[in-house]
Amino acid sequence: MKTMKKIYLFAGLVAMMVASCSTEEQSGGGYVAGSKVTLNASLPNSGTRVSEAASDTYGLITNWSSDDSLDVLVNTDASLNTNTIVSMTKSTGNTFTATPANATIGAGFNAGQTIYGVNNKNNDKITTVLNGSQLNATVDFTDQKGTADNLSKYDLMYGKGDPTGNITFNHKICVLRLDINSDSLKADGITSITGLKLKYVVSSGTKLFATSEVYDFGATCDSTITSADSIYLQNTSITVADGKATVYIAVPHRQNLYGTLYIKLKGSNGTAAKLYNLTNSISLSNARMLMSTVHPQAITGLSRTEVNVGDYLFSDGTWGSLVGNDLGSATPIAVIFSKTTSTTDSTNGWTHGYAMALKDASTSAAWGSAATRLTGFYINTAAEMIADKDGYTHTQYVNSSIYPAPYAAATTYQSTVSAPSSTSGWYLPSIGQWFDICVNLGKMSATGYTSSTNVNSGSLYWLDQGSSCASNINTYLTPLTSGTYDILPWSSTTTTSCKYWSSTEAITLGGTYDVHFATNMALSGRMKSILGNRTRGVVAF
């Protein structure tokens, strides 16, 4: 796979001229096997041989690089319609050369013949193969980085004609250029874009993005596009200066674009990553993406993505709603149930909130058999229950296989669903965090509960609301892909099948707290050694 450096214009076709094809000949004329075939090529608007660079006049301006090459389809026997592909490598100056193995192939470069050529460089996202009588070229649009110099990997150029005359090579793809100007990026001191998601939602007409496009070049020319709803630039580094940045995306030629373009951006100020959404999503109506052109789009209205209860934490550490907010291949892993964190968690750098895992870590487990207070923290009043948000701290004391429920939430679940490195990792929630889940996701009243206290533990409950609490929480799970979540069950009786462990210990030795999704929704004390409770983790981010 190989390519050349090219030139883009805002309008019209940009060409490079391949001229004066020659062969080494004997005095009697005719091609000598093993002789060199040379194509002399010149580029308009060229200077020194550099990578792609922005140009106010041309949109982008590029030149040959020393390792550019061409793949050329030549006809070796017109009567049999026999073809072969000849690879031509960059030589000195503006020349490309090849040394065919025999005179028959070399004769394909003689006057009156027609050759078909594309660029093909070994580190590009372009591949070529012989497809019968045609030159098959595939552009792989994945793994883009958004910078001007990265475009050369995707820029398929094609030309055909008599090799002894001039052959014009034209761009077969086009470029969507995003000119970002954001007060939010400027205010936050963002210096680089490290991730960018573009999602196009079609109302009618064609899609915008693609994973690949396959061309067949020859006497006839056609292509097949594998369309995509979105494109994700990850592990990239696009410079941001004074809130401004330019992003380049290679896309196929498109017509009849009717839909909405959503943008989500991950930026870094050198120490921390922040997320931004395009608040005024771009509406396209009968838009077109023309080959050989750069299509500039002004992007304003980017604002920092706030944390909202009921939104989702994604596998790459970002968060947001399901529509237009997931970054590329990132998938939802948790439902956000709080926009604040405890003092301890904030000190650890987890300042955005808490999120509940989508699946159970275990469906039947004891908390543990130890009668001592392992975490050094225990409570027995409703006020203390609600105030305890330090499930992460508690879990660190009991993240061991001899304590099945905490270990399942913190360690076993991690092997199934990896928590992002920017988070706390999974852990068993405190009873105060379960209170927040019930209130913020389950829609229980934050004050309309009944409480009691005895010598063993405190408890609080909502009468006849277990079913509605579980159902309300499940509404955040059921929109997700089947198999990626477990609904929270409830029961008319307080069986273990509808109870979940917390990491908060009760005042009684050997006691801890759990939550009951039963007829009466309850948070109360329970012995650690009892079998059967469910376990579900949470994460601080």
Protein backbone atom coordinates (compact mmCIF):
# COMPACT_ATOMS: atom_id res chain seq x y z
CA MET A 1 0.00 0.00 0.00
CA LYS A 2 1.45 3.33 -1.00
CA THR A 3 0.42 6.93 -1.57
CA MET A 4 1.64 10.32 -2.61
CA LYS A 5 1.32 13.74 -1.12
CA LYS A 6 -1.43 15.73 -2.83
CA ILE A 7 -3.18 19.06 -3.25
CA TYR A 8 -6.76 19.93 -2.34
CA LEU A 9 -8.71 22.94 -3.58
CA PHE A 10 -11.95 24.38 -2.26
CA ALA A 11 -13.54 23.82 -5.67
CA GLY A 12 -12.70 22.15 -8.95
CA LEU A 13 -10.37 19.29 -9.69
CA VAL A 14 -6.76 19.36 -8.65
CA ALA A 15 -4.49 17.51 -11.00
CA MET A 16 -0.97 16.29 -11.28
CA MET A 17 0.43 15.77 -14.73
CA VAL A 18 2.28 12.57 -15.58
CA ALA A 19 4.13 13.20 -18.78
CA SER A 20 6.76 11.89 -21.18
CA CYS A 21 6.72 8.16 -20.61
CA SER A 22 9.93 6.61 -21.97
CA THR A 23 11.70 3.26 -22.21
CA GLU A 24 15.25 2.29 -22.88
CA GLU A 25 15.46 1.02 -26.46
CA GLN A 26 17.97 -0.82 -28.66
CA SER A 27 19.17 0.92 -31.81
CA GLY A 28 16.68 -1.14 -33.81
CA GLY A 29 13.77 0.09 -31.69
CA GLY A 30 11.43 -1.87 -29.46
CA TYR A 31 11.43 -2.55 -25.72
CA VAL A 32 14.27 -4.52 -24.19
CA ALA A 33 13.30 -6.89 -21.35
CA GLY A 34 14.67 -5.69 -18.04
CA SER A 35 14.95 -2.07 -19.18
CA LYS A 36 13.62 0.77 -17.08
CA VAL A 37 10.27 2.49 -17.65
CA THR A 38 10.20 6.10 -16.49
CA LEU A 39 7.27 8.46 -15.86
CA ASN A 40 8.16 12.10 -15.37
CA ALA A 41 5.61 13.76 -13.07
CA SER A 42 5.15 17.38 -12.04
CA LEU A 43 2.84 18.91 -9.47
CA PRO A 44 1.19 22.34 -9.69
CA ASN A 45 1.58 24.73 -6.76
CA SER A 46 4.46 22.66 -5.40
CA GLY A 47 7.40 23.77 -3.36
CA THR A 48 9.67 21.71 -1.25
CA ARG A 49 8.72 18.10 -0.65
CA VAL A 50 6.76 18.30 2.60
CA SER A 51 3.75 16.69 4.15
CA GLU A 52 0.27 18.13 3.78
CA ALA A 53 -0.06 21.67 5.09
CA ALA A 54 -2.94 24.12 5.32
CA SER A 55 -3.16 26.79 2.63
CA ASP A 56 -5.43 29.84 2.56
CA THR A 57 -5.50 29.66 -1.23
CA TYR A 58 -5.83 25.95 -1.86
CA GLY A 59 -7.29 24.58 1.36
CA LEU A 60 -4.44 22.08 1.48
CA ILE A 61 -1.20 21.98 -0.44
CA THR A 62 1.09 18.97 -0.67
CA ASN A 63 4.01 17.63 -2.61
CA TRP A 64 5.76 14.42 -3.52
CA SER A 65 7.50 12.58 -0.76
CA SER A 66 10.57 10.44 -1.30
CA ASP A 67 8.72 7.17 -0.72
CA ASP A 68 5.68 7.83 -2.93
CA SER A 69 4.78 5.23 -5.54
CA LEU A 70 2.18 4.35 -8.17
CA ASP A 71 0.38 1.15 -9.01
CA VAL A 72 -0.33 1.04 -12.76
CA LEU A 73 -2.63 -1.36 -14.62
CA VAL A 74 -1.22 -2.20 -18.07
CA ASN A 75 -2.62 -4.38 -20.83
CA THR A 76 -0.14 -7.05 -21.87
CA ASP A 77 -2.23 -8.71 -24.59
CA ALA A 78 -5.11 -6.78 -26.11
CA SER A 79 -6.46 -9.81 -27.95
CA LEU A 80 -6.74 -11.76 -24.72
CA ASN A 81 -7.52 -8.74 -22.54
CA THR A 82 -4.67 -9.76 -20.25
CA ASN A 83 -3.62 -7.24 -17.60
CA THR A 84 -1.05 -6.88 -14.88
CA ILE A 85 -0.20 -4.33 -12.17
CA VAL A 86 3.19 -2.64 -12.30
CA SER A 87 4.44 -0.85 -9.19
CA MET A 88 6.42 2.31 -9.92
CA THR A 89 8.64 3.78 -7.23
CA LYS A 90 9.72 7.33 -6.61
CA SER A 91 13.03 8.21 -8.21
CA THR A 92 14.97 11.46 -8.41
CA GLY A 93 13.22 14.73 -9.07
CA ASN A 94 9.66 14.17 -10.24
CA THR A 95 10.13 10.74 -11.77
CA PHE A 96 8.59 7.35 -11.08
CA THR A 97 10.28 4.27 -12.44
CA ALA A 98 9.71 0.55 -12.84
CA THR A 99 11.71 -2.30 -14.33
CA PRO A 100 9.21 -4.81 -15.78
CA ALA A 101 10.32 -8.42 -15.93
CA ASN A 102 9.64 -8.87 -19.64
CA ALA A 103 9.09 -7.01 -22.86
CA THR A 104 5.38 -7.85 -23.03
CA ILE A 105 4.70 -5.90 -19.83
CA GLY A 106 6.94 -3.08 -20.93
CA ALA A 107 5.03 -2.82 -24.21
CA GLY A 108 2.01 -1.77 -22.20
CA PHE A 109 3.73 1.60 -21.77
CA ASN A 110 4.06 2.20 -25.53
CA ALA A 111 2.23 4.91 -27.45
CA GLY A 112 -1.43 4.21 -28.12
CA GLN A 113 -1.85 2.09 -25.00
CA THR A 114 -4.03 3.10 -22.04
CA ILE A 115 -2.81 2.68 -18.48
CA TYR A 116 -4.76 3.11 -15.24
CA GLY A 117 -2.94 4.18 -12.11
CA VAL A 118 -3.47 4.89 -8.42
CA ASN A 119 -1.17 5.91 -5.62
CA ASN A 120 -0.11 3.09 -3.32
CA LYS A 121 2.34 3.65 -0.47
CA ASN A 122 3.26 0.99 2.08
CA ASN A 123 2.03 2.78 5.22
CA ASP A 124 -1.21 4.11 3.74
CA LYS A 125 -4.77 2.94 4.20
CA ILE A 126 -5.02 2.11 0.48
CA THR A 127 -4.63 -1.37 -1.00
CA THR A 128 -4.64 -2.50 -4.62
CA VAL A 129 -5.21 -5.87 -6.28
CA LEU A 130 -5.84 -7.08 -9.82
CA ASN A 131 -9.55 -7.81 -10.32
CA GLY A 132 -9.80 -9.46 -13.73
CA SER A 133 -9.38 -6.65 -16.25
CA GLN A 134 -9.63 -3.93 -13.61
CA LEU A 135 -7.45 -2.31 -10.97
CA ASN A 136 -9.17 -2.77 -7.61
CA ALA A 137 -8.35 -0.13 -4.99
CA THR A 138 -9.72 -0.04 -1.43
CA VAL A 139 -9.62 2.97 0.88
CA ASP A 140 -9.89 2.12 4.59
CA PHE A 141 -11.29 5.23 6.32
CA THR A 142 -10.74 3.95 9.87
CA ASP A 143 -8.15 5.12 12.42
CA GLN A 144 -8.04 8.73 11.26
CA LYS A 145 -6.14 11.25 13.39
CA GLY A 146 -7.72 14.49 12.21
CA THR A 147 -4.52 16.26 11.18
CA ALA A 148 -3.63 17.54 7.72
CA ASP A 149 -0.61 15.31 7.30
CA ASN A 150 -2.63 12.22 8.22
CA LEU A 151 -4.92 12.76 5.19
CA SER A 152 -2.31 11.39 2.79
CA LYS A 153 -3.01 7.90 4.11
CA TYR A 154 -6.57 8.04 2.75
CA ASP A 155 -6.25 10.21 -0.36
CA LEU A 156 -6.82 7.91 -3.31
CA MET A 157 -5.63 9.45 -6.59
CA TYR A 158 -6.61 8.01 -9.97
CA GLY A 159 -5.61 8.69 -13.55
CA LYS A 160 -5.79 7.02 -16.95
CA GLY A 161 -4.47 7.69 -20.44
CA ASP A 162 -1.73 7.15 -23.01
CA PRO A 163 1.51 6.77 -21.02
CA THR A 164 3.45 8.70 -23.66
CA GLY A 165 1.23 11.74 -23.21
CA ASN A 166 -0.06 13.62 -20.21
CA ILE A 167 -2.12 11.76 -17.62
CA THR A 168 -4.16 13.69 -15.07
CA PHE A 169 -4.54 12.14 -11.63
CA ASN A 170 -7.51 13.41 -9.59
CA HIS A 171 -8.56 12.98 -5.98
CA LYS A 172 -11.31 10.39 -5.49
CA ILE A 173 -12.11 11.35 -1.91
CA CYS A 174 -13.01 14.67 -0.32
CA VAL A 175 -12.23 16.36 2.98
CA LEU A 176 -14.56 17.64 5.70
CA ARG A 177 -12.70 20.40 7.53
CA LEU A 178 -13.92 21.51 10.96
CA ASP A 179 -12.82 25.01 11.92
CA ILE A 180 -13.34 25.02 15.69
CA ASN A 181 -13.53 28.27 17.65
CA SER A 182 -14.63 27.71 21.24
CA ASP A 183 -14.71 30.05 24.21
CA SER A 184 -15.06 26.99 26.45
CA LEU A 185 -11.83 25.44 25.15
CA LYS A 186 -10.09 28.78 25.60
CA ALA A 187 -11.38 29.31 29.13
CA ASP A 188 -10.30 25.83 30.19
CA GLY A 189 -6.83 26.22 28.70
CA ILE A 190 -7.25 23.24 26.39
CA THR A 191 -4.07 22.69 24.36
CA SER A 192 -4.91 19.52 22.43
CA ILE A 193 -7.85 17.45 21.22
CA THR A 194 -7.26 13.83 22.25
CA GLY A 195 -10.55 12.34 21.05
CA LEU A 196 -13.30 13.42 18.67
CA LYS A 197 -16.60 11.75 17.81
CA LEU A 198 -18.64 12.79 14.78
CA LYS A 199 -22.06 11.17 14.53
CA TYR A 200 -24.35 11.82 11.57
CA VAL A 201 -28.04 10.99 12.00
CA VAL A 202 -29.76 10.67 8.62
CA SER A 203 -33.26 12.06 8.11
CA SER A 204 -33.24 11.09 4.43
CA GLY A 205 -30.74 10.61 1.62
CA THR A 206 -27.29 9.12 2.15
CA LYS A 207 -25.00 8.68 5.13
CA LEU A 208 -21.93 10.88 5.45
CA PHE A 209 -19.19 8.66 6.87
CA ALA A 210 -17.78 5.32 5.76
CA THR A 211 -15.48 2.60 6.98
CA SER A 212 -14.26 1.80 3.46
CA GLU A 213 -14.75 2.43 -0.26
CA VAL A 214 -13.78 -0.08 -2.94
CA TYR A 215 -13.09 1.13 -6.51
CA ASP A 216 -12.75 -0.89 -9.70
CA PHE A 217 -10.75 1.09 -12.27
CA GLY A 218 -10.52 0.13 -15.95
CA ALA A 219 -12.63 0.55 -19.07
CA THR A 220 -15.47 1.20 -16.62
CA CYS A 221 -15.19 2.71 -13.14
CA ASP A 222 -17.43 2.22 -10.15
CA SER A 223 -17.18 2.03 -6.37
CA THR A 224 -18.90 0.42 -3.41
CA ILE A 225 -19.10 2.33 -0.11
CA THR A 226 -19.48 0.67 3.29
CA SER A 227 -21.29 3.44 5.14
CA ALA A 228 -21.04 4.24 8.86
CA ASP A 229 -23.14 6.31 11.24
CA SER A 230 -20.13 7.84 12.94
CA ILE A 231 -16.39 8.27 12.95
CA TYR A 232 -14.17 8.39 16.00
CA LEU A 233 -10.72 9.92 16.22
CA GLN A 234 -8.98 8.39 19.23
CA ASN A 235 -5.48 8.63 20.63
CA THR A 236 -4.91 11.68 18.51
CA SER A 237 -3.26 15.00 19.27
CA ILE A 238 -4.72 17.98 17.43
CA THR A 239 -3.28 21.31 18.49
CA VAL A 240 -5.60 23.83 20.14
CA ALA A 241 -4.45 27.45 20.43
CA ASP A 242 -6.55 30.18 22.02
CA GLY A 243 -9.62 27.95 21.78
CA LYS A 244 -9.12 27.33 18.05
CA ALA A 245 -8.33 24.12 16.17
CA THR A 246 -8.70 22.66 12.69
CA VAL A 247 -9.72 19.05 12.15
CA TYR A 248 -9.54 17.22 8.79
CA ILE A 249 -11.69 14.17 8.04
CA ALA A 250 -11.42 12.11 4.83
CA VAL A 251 -14.87 11.09 3.56
CA PRO A 252 -16.26 9.60 0.32
CA HIS A 253 -17.96 11.65 -2.38
CA ARG A 254 -21.55 12.14 -1.19
CA GLN A 255 -24.77 13.72 -2.45
CA ASN A 256 -28.25 14.20 -0.97
CA LEU A 257 -27.14 14.72 2.61
CA TYR A 258 -30.15 15.43 4.82
CA GLY A 259 -29.55 14.99 8.53
CA THR A 260 -27.88 16.22 11.71
CA LEU A 261 -24.21 16.17 12.63
CA TYR A 262 -23.36 15.75 16.31
CA ILE A 263 -19.92 16.45 17.72
CA LYS A 264 -18.35 15.42 20.99
CA LEU A 265 -14.79 16.35 21.84
CA LYS A 266 -12.29 15.27 24.46
CA GLY A 267 -9.67 17.90 25.21
CA SER A 268 -6.64 18.08 27.46
CA ASN A 269 -5.01 21.04 29.17
CA GLY A 270 -1.88 19.03 29.79
CA THR A 271 -2.97 17.65 33.15
CA ALA A 272 -6.65 16.71 32.92
CA ALA A 273 -9.13 15.64 30.24
CA LYS A 274 -12.43 17.45 29.78
CA LEU A 275 -15.45 16.71 27.59
CA TYR A 276 -17.34 19.09 25.31
CA ASN A 277 -20.52 18.83 23.27
CA LEU A 278 -21.65 20.82 20.26
CA THR A 279 -24.77 22.42 21.69
CA ASN A 280 -26.05 23.70 18.33
CA SER A 281 -25.78 20.49 16.31
CA ILE A 282 -25.31 21.03 12.58
CA SER A 283 -28.29 20.44 10.31
CA LEU A 284 -27.56 19.46 6.71
CA SER A 285 -30.13 19.91 3.94
CA ASN A 286 -29.26 18.65 0.47
CA ALA A 287 -25.57 19.06 1.22
CA ARG A 288 -22.89 17.55 -1.02
CA MET A 289 -19.32 16.39 -0.55
CA LEU A 290 -17.49 16.81 -3.85
CA MET A 291 -14.36 14.92 -4.84
CA SER A 292 -11.10 16.88 -4.85
CA THR A 293 -12.48 19.55 -2.53
CA VAL A 294 -12.11 20.69 1.05
CA HIS A 295 -15.47 21.43 2.69
CA PRO A 296 -14.97 23.86 5.58
CA GLN A 297 -17.50 23.91 8.42
CA ALA A 298 -17.37 26.54 11.17
CA ILE A 299 -17.84 24.97 14.60
CA THR A 300 -18.96 27.24 17.42
CA GLY A 301 -21.10 26.53 20.44
CA LEU A 302 -18.96 23.80 21.98
CA SER A 303 -19.66 23.66 25.69
CA ARG A 304 -18.30 21.51 28.45
CA THR A 305 -20.32 18.35 29.01
CA GLU A 306 -21.95 18.46 32.43
CA VAL A 307 -22.74 15.40 34.49
CA ASN A 308 -26.44 14.57 34.61
CA VAL A 309 -28.21 11.95 36.69
CA GLY A 310 -29.60 9.30 34.36
CA ASP A 311 -26.87 9.75 31.77
CA TYR A 312 -24.22 7.07 31.22
CA LEU A 313 -20.57 6.56 31.96
CA PHE A 314 -18.83 5.08 28.91
CA SER A 315 -16.00 2.59 28.67
CA ASP A 316 -13.46 5.29 27.75
CA GLY A 317 -14.21 7.40 30.84
CA THR A 318 -16.50 9.89 29.09
CA TRP A 319 -20.13 10.44 29.93
CA GLY A 320 -23.37 11.71 28.43
CA SER A 321 -26.67 10.61 26.94
CA LEU A 322 -27.00 7.83 24.40
CA VAL A 323 -27.71 10.07 21.38
CA GLY A 324 -24.61 11.57 19.78
CA ASN A 325 -22.54 11.41 22.97
CA ASP A 326 -20.75 8.08 22.99
CA LEU A 327 -17.22 8.43 21.70
CA GLY A 328 -16.70 5.98 18.91
CA SER A 329 -16.30 2.40 20.05
CA ALA A 330 -16.95 3.38 23.67
CA THR A 331 -19.94 1.59 25.21
CA PRO A 332 -22.12 2.42 28.23
CA ILE A 333 -20.90 0.67 31.38
CA ALA A 334 -22.81 2.43 34.18
CA VAL A 335 -25.76 4.74 34.95
CA ILE A 336 -24.91 8.00 36.71
CA PHE A 337 -26.84 8.39 39.96
CA SER A 338 -25.05 11.32 41.65
CA LYS A 339 -23.36 14.54 40.53
CA THR A 340 -21.34 14.95 43.74
CA THR A 341 -18.78 12.81 45.53
CA SER A 342 -17.65 12.50 49.14
CA THR A 343 -14.84 14.59 50.56
CA THR A 344 -12.56 11.54 50.53
CA ASP A 345 -13.36 10.68 46.92
CA SER A 346 -12.94 14.29 45.81
CA THR A 347 -9.52 14.33 47.42
CA ASN A 348 -8.68 11.24 45.37
CA GLY A 349 -9.55 13.19 42.21
CA TRP A 350 -13.02 11.74 41.54
CA THR A 351 -15.04 14.92 41.49
CA HIS A 352 -17.76 14.37 38.89
CA GLY A 353 -20.07 11.82 40.50
CA TYR A 354 -21.03 8.18 40.96
CA ALA A 355 -22.40 5.61 38.53
CA MET A 356 -24.04 2.20 39.05
CA ALA A 357 -22.88 -0.85 37.07
CA LEU A 358 -25.28 -2.18 34.45
CA LYS A 359 -25.01 -5.79 35.58
CA ASP A 360 -24.86 -7.72 38.84
CA ALA A 361 -21.43 -8.81 40.02
CA SER A 362 -23.05 -11.79 41.71
CA THR A 363 -26.61 -13.04 42.16
CA SER A 364 -26.17 -14.97 45.40
CA ALA A 365 -23.36 -14.42 47.86
CA ALA A 366 -22.62 -13.89 51.52
CA TRP A 367 -20.97 -10.63 52.51
CA GLY A 368 -18.51 -12.49 54.78
CA SER A 369 -18.39 -14.42 58.01
CA ALA A 370 -16.16 -12.19 60.10
CA ALA A 371 -17.76 -10.92 63.33
CA THR A 372 -15.35 -8.00 63.72
CA ARG A 373 -15.89 -4.56 62.27
CA LEU A 374 -13.53 -4.83 59.34
CA THR A 375 -13.81 -1.30 57.94
CA GLY A 376 -13.54 0.45 61.30
CA PHE A 377 -16.72 2.34 60.44
CA TYR A 378 -20.21 1.47 61.66
CA ILE A 379 -23.54 3.26 62.02
CA ASN A 380 -27.07 2.71 63.27
CA THR A 381 -29.22 5.77 62.53
CA ALA A 382 -31.05 6.83 59.37
CA ALA A 383 -29.14 10.11 59.23
CA GLU A 384 -25.84 8.25 59.38
CA MET A 385 -27.02 5.83 56.70
CA ILE A 386 -27.92 8.61 54.28
CA ALA A 387 -24.67 10.52 54.94
CA ASP A 388 -22.34 7.59 54.27
CA LYS A 389 -21.03 7.91 50.67
CA ASP A 390 -17.64 6.26 51.21
CA GLY A 391 -18.24 2.86 49.69
CA TYR A 392 -14.85 2.95 47.96
CA THR A 393 -13.04 3.44 51.29
CA HIS A 394 -15.02 0.66 52.99
CA THR A 395 -14.44 -1.78 50.12
CA GLN A 396 -10.65 -1.41 50.27
CA TYR A 397 -10.66 -3.14 53.67
CA VAL A 398 -12.58 -6.17 52.43
CA ASN A 399 -11.54 -6.60 48.78
CA SER A 400 -10.53 -10.19 49.33
CA SER A 401 -11.93 -13.53 48.23
CA ILE A 402 -12.81 -14.36 51.85
CA TYR A 403 -15.44 -11.60 51.63
CA PRO A 404 -17.46 -12.77 48.60
CA ALA A 405 -19.78 -9.80 48.01
CA PRO A 406 -17.19 -6.97 48.22
CA TYR A 407 -14.69 -9.05 46.24
CA ALA A 408 -17.26 -9.76 43.52
CA ALA A 409 -18.10 -6.05 43.16
CA ALA A 410 -14.52 -4.78 43.17
CA THR A 411 -12.41 -7.51 41.58
CA THR A 412 -14.47 -10.17 39.85
CA TYR A 413 -16.62 -7.66 37.96
CA GLN A 414 -13.53 -5.80 36.74
CA SER A 415 -12.49 -8.90 34.82
CA THR A 416 -15.81 -8.78 32.96
CA VAL A 417 -16.32 -5.03 32.56
CA SER A 418 -13.19 -2.93 32.82
CA ALA A 419 -13.61 0.38 34.64
CA PRO A 420 -11.79 3.29 32.95
CA SER A 421 -8.38 4.17 34.40
CA SER A 422 -9.58 7.69 35.20
CA THR A 423 -12.10 6.30 37.70
CA SER A 424 -11.93 4.67 41.12
CA GLY A 425 -12.59 1.22 39.70
CA TRP A 426 -15.58 -0.85 40.76
CA TYR A 427 -16.48 -1.25 44.42
CA LEU A 428 -19.40 -2.22 46.67
CA PRO A 429 -21.59 0.85 47.28
CA SER A 430 -22.20 2.23 50.76
CA ILE A 431 -25.75 2.30 52.10
CA GLY A 432 -25.80 6.08 51.51
CA GLN A 433 -24.98 5.50 47.86
CA TRP A 434 -27.83 2.98 47.64
CA PHE A 435 -30.05 5.70 49.12
CA ASP A 436 -28.99 8.01 46.28
CA ILE A 437 -29.71 5.28 43.70
CA CYS A 438 -33.21 4.81 45.13
CA VAL A 439 -33.92 8.55 45.29
CA ASN A 440 -32.22 9.82 42.12
CA LEU A 441 -32.91 6.88 39.80
CA GLY A 442 -35.73 5.10 41.63
CA LYS A 443 -37.68 8.34 42.20
CA MET A 444 -38.19 7.70 45.91
CA SER A 445 -38.80 10.75 48.11
CA ALA A 446 -35.62 11.99 49.79
CA THR A 447 -37.63 12.85 52.91
CA GLY A 448 -40.81 10.77 52.72
CA TYR A 449 -39.39 7.62 54.31
CA THR A 450 -40.03 6.01 57.68
CA SER A 451 -37.03 5.31 59.90
CA SER A 452 -36.31 3.28 63.00
CA THR A 453 -33.33 2.57 65.21
CA ASN A 454 -32.58 -0.34 67.51
CA VAL A 455 -29.53 -1.77 69.24
CA ASN A 456 -28.50 -3.70 66.14
CA SER A 457 -28.99 -1.27 63.28
CA GLY A 458 -31.04 1.54 61.85
CA SER A 459 -33.43 1.20 58.95
CA LEU A 460 -35.48 3.35 56.62
CA TYR A 461 -38.23 2.36 54.24
CA TRP A 462 -40.88 3.58 51.83
CA LEU A 463 -44.23 1.82 52.16
CA ASP A 464 -45.51 -0.11 49.12
CA GLN A 465 -42.86 1.32 46.77
CA GLY A 466 -40.44 -1.52 46.14
CA SER A 467 -41.91 -2.34 42.76
CA SER A 468 -42.00 1.27 41.54
CA CYS A 469 -38.43 1.94 42.72
CA ALA A 470 -37.04 -1.07 40.85
CA SER A 471 -39.14 -0.25 37.77
CA ASN A 472 -37.94 3.36 37.72
CA ILE A 473 -34.28 2.29 37.95
CA ASN A 474 -34.79 -0.26 35.20
CA THR A 475 -36.01 2.43 32.78
CA TYR A 476 -32.37 3.56 32.56
CA LEU A 477 -31.26 0.02 31.67
CA THR A 478 -33.82 -1.24 29.17
CA PRO A 479 -32.86 1.27 26.37
CA LEU A 480 -29.44 -0.39 26.24
CA THR A 481 -28.41 -3.32 24.10
CA SER A 482 -29.94 -6.59 25.25
CA GLY A 483 -27.47 -8.67 27.22
CA THR A 484 -25.46 -5.69 28.46
CA TYR A 485 -27.56 -5.13 31.59
CA ASP A 486 -29.41 -6.94 34.38
CA ILE A 487 -32.69 -5.44 35.53
CA LEU A 488 -33.16 -4.97 39.27
CA PRO A 489 -35.67 -7.57 40.49
CA TRP A 490 -38.30 -7.04 43.17
CA SER A 491 -40.45 -9.39 45.17
CA SER A 492 -43.62 -9.05 47.26
CA THR A 493 -41.70 -10.80 50.04
CA THR A 494 -38.30 -9.93 51.43
CA THR A 495 -36.47 -12.85 49.86
CA THR A 496 -32.75 -12.65 49.18
CA SER A 497 -33.46 -12.64 45.44
CA CYS A 498 -34.44 -8.97 45.64
CA LYS A 499 -31.80 -7.76 48.11
CA TYR A 500 -28.43 -6.11 47.40
CA TRP A 501 -25.46 -5.79 49.74
CA SER A 502 -23.84 -2.51 50.73
CA SER A 503 -20.32 -2.00 52.11
CA THR A 504 -21.51 -0.13 55.22
CA GLU A 505 -21.23 -2.05 58.49
CA ALA A 506 -23.89 -1.92 61.19
CA ILE A 507 -23.35 -1.28 64.88
CA THR A 508 -23.96 -4.91 65.70
CA LEU A 509 -20.97 -7.23 65.38
CA GLY A 510 -21.19 -9.24 62.17
CA GLY A 511 -23.85 -6.93 60.72
CA THR A 512 -23.95 -4.81 57.60
CA TYR A 513 -26.59 -3.02 55.55
CA ASP A 514 -28.51 -4.06 52.47
CA VAL A 515 -31.35 -2.75 50.32
CA HIS A 516 -34.63 -4.62 49.76
CA PHE A 517 -36.62 -4.22 46.56
CA ALA A 518 -39.70 -5.73 48.21
CA THR A 519 -43.26 -4.49 48.73
CA ASN A 520 -41.92 -2.03 51.27
CA MET A 521 -38.73 -0.52 49.85
CA ALA A 522 -36.22 -0.78 52.70
CA LEU A 523 -32.61 -0.14 53.66
CA SER A 524 -31.76 -2.01 56.83
CA GLY A 525 -29.23 -4.09 58.74
CA ARG A 526 -28.41 -7.71 57.94
CA MET A 527 -25.92 -10.35 59.10
CA LYS A 528 -22.89 -10.66 56.84
CA SER A 529 -22.93 -14.45 56.87
CA ILE A 530 -26.42 -14.78 55.34
CA LEU A 531 -26.30 -16.32 51.88
CA GLY A 532 -28.20 -15.24 48.80
CA ASN A 533 -28.04 -11.46 48.46
CA ARG A 534 -27.16 -9.90 45.13
CA THR A 535 -24.12 -7.71 44.54
CA ARG A 536 -23.85 -4.71 42.20
CA GLY A 537 -20.88 -2.39 41.98
CA VAL A 538 -20.56 1.34 41.54
CA VAL A 539 -17.73 3.59 40.40
CA ALA A 540 -16.55 7.11 41.29
CA PHE A 541 -15.38 9.29 38.40
